[in-house]
Protein backbone atom coordinates (compact mmCIF):
# COMPACT_ATOMS: atom_id res chain seq x y z
CA MET A 1 -44.90 200.99 66.68
CA ALA A 2 -42.39 201.25 63.99
CA ASP A 3 -42.47 198.69 60.84
CA SER A 4 -39.05 197.72 61.81
CA ASP A 5 -40.29 196.49 65.21
CA TRP A 6 -42.50 193.80 63.91
CA ILE A 7 -41.46 190.14 63.51
CA PHE A 8 -43.06 188.00 60.78
CA HIS A 9 -43.98 185.42 63.47
CA ALA A 10 -45.97 187.78 65.46
CA PHE A 11 -48.27 188.74 62.79
CA PRO A 12 -50.68 185.92 63.06
CA LYS A 13 -51.22 186.49 66.82
CA ALA A 14 -51.39 190.21 66.58
CA PHE A 15 -53.90 190.29 63.94
CA GLN A 16 -55.78 186.95 64.50
CA LEU A 17 -54.56 185.48 61.17
CA GLU A 18 -54.67 181.76 60.20
CA THR A 19 -51.57 180.58 58.42
CA VAL A 20 -52.30 178.41 55.21
CA GLN A 21 -49.28 176.78 53.88
CA ALA A 22 -49.91 175.20 50.41
CA ILE A 23 -47.64 174.16 47.65
CA GLY A 24 -48.57 175.10 44.20
CA ILE A 25 -51.22 177.43 45.15
CA PHE A 26 -50.73 179.64 42.02
CA ALA A 27 -49.81 176.74 39.73
CA HIS A 28 -52.91 177.09 37.62
CA ILE A 29 -52.31 180.76 36.75
CA PRO A 30 -50.53 181.37 33.36
CA LEU A 31 -47.35 183.30 33.36
CA VAL A 32 -47.47 186.90 32.24
CA MET A 33 -44.38 188.42 30.64
CA PRO A 34 -43.49 191.97 31.61
CA GLY A 35 -43.91 194.37 28.83
CA PRO A 36 -41.01 196.13 27.09
CA GLN A 37 -41.63 199.43 28.99
CA LEU A 38 -41.52 197.71 32.34
CA THR A 39 -38.37 195.92 31.47
CA ALA A 40 -36.68 199.09 30.50
CA VAL A 41 -37.85 201.14 33.36
CA LEU A 42 -36.77 198.44 35.92
CA ALA A 43 -33.31 198.26 34.10
CA LYS A 44 -32.85 201.91 35.01
CA LYS A 45 -34.21 202.15 38.29
CA ALA A 46 -33.53 198.97 40.03
CA SER A 47 -29.93 199.49 40.72
CA LEU A 48 -30.52 202.82 42.20
CA ALA A 49 -33.44 201.69 44.37
CA THR A 50 -31.30 198.95 45.80
CA ALA A 51 -28.31 201.16 46.22
CA ILE A 52 -30.33 203.60 48.25
CA GLY A 53 -31.51 200.63 50.20
CA THR A 54 -34.75 202.01 51.95
CA GLU A 55 -38.14 200.76 51.87
CA LYS A 56 -39.44 204.10 50.37
CA ALA A 57 -36.89 203.94 47.66
CA ARG A 58 -37.98 200.34 46.65
CA ALA A 59 -41.62 201.38 46.74
CA GLU A 60 -41.30 204.41 44.62
CA LEU A 61 -38.69 203.19 42.06
CA ILE A 62 -39.71 199.47 41.81
CA ALA A 63 -43.00 198.45 43.26
CA SER A 64 -44.98 201.49 41.98
CA GLU A 65 -43.78 200.71 38.40
CA VAL A 66 -44.90 196.90 38.72
CA LEU A 67 -48.26 198.21 40.03
CA PHE A 68 -48.60 200.46 37.13
CA GLU A 69 -47.94 197.70 34.70
CA PHE A 70 -50.57 195.52 36.10
């Protein structure tokens, strides 16, 4: 099944998941500001990733940089 065939509401049933809805679940975690290198890289790559418009482009150009920063 292709990724595009999934509907968000089908996930809990398909994977036997329980939905937990809570407001402020991460409120106690302090904010972390991105470093200057991440900010500079995203300034260059974010517009290209959104212009290409594919999940692969976003993963390669944006998400991988954020994960590397962590």
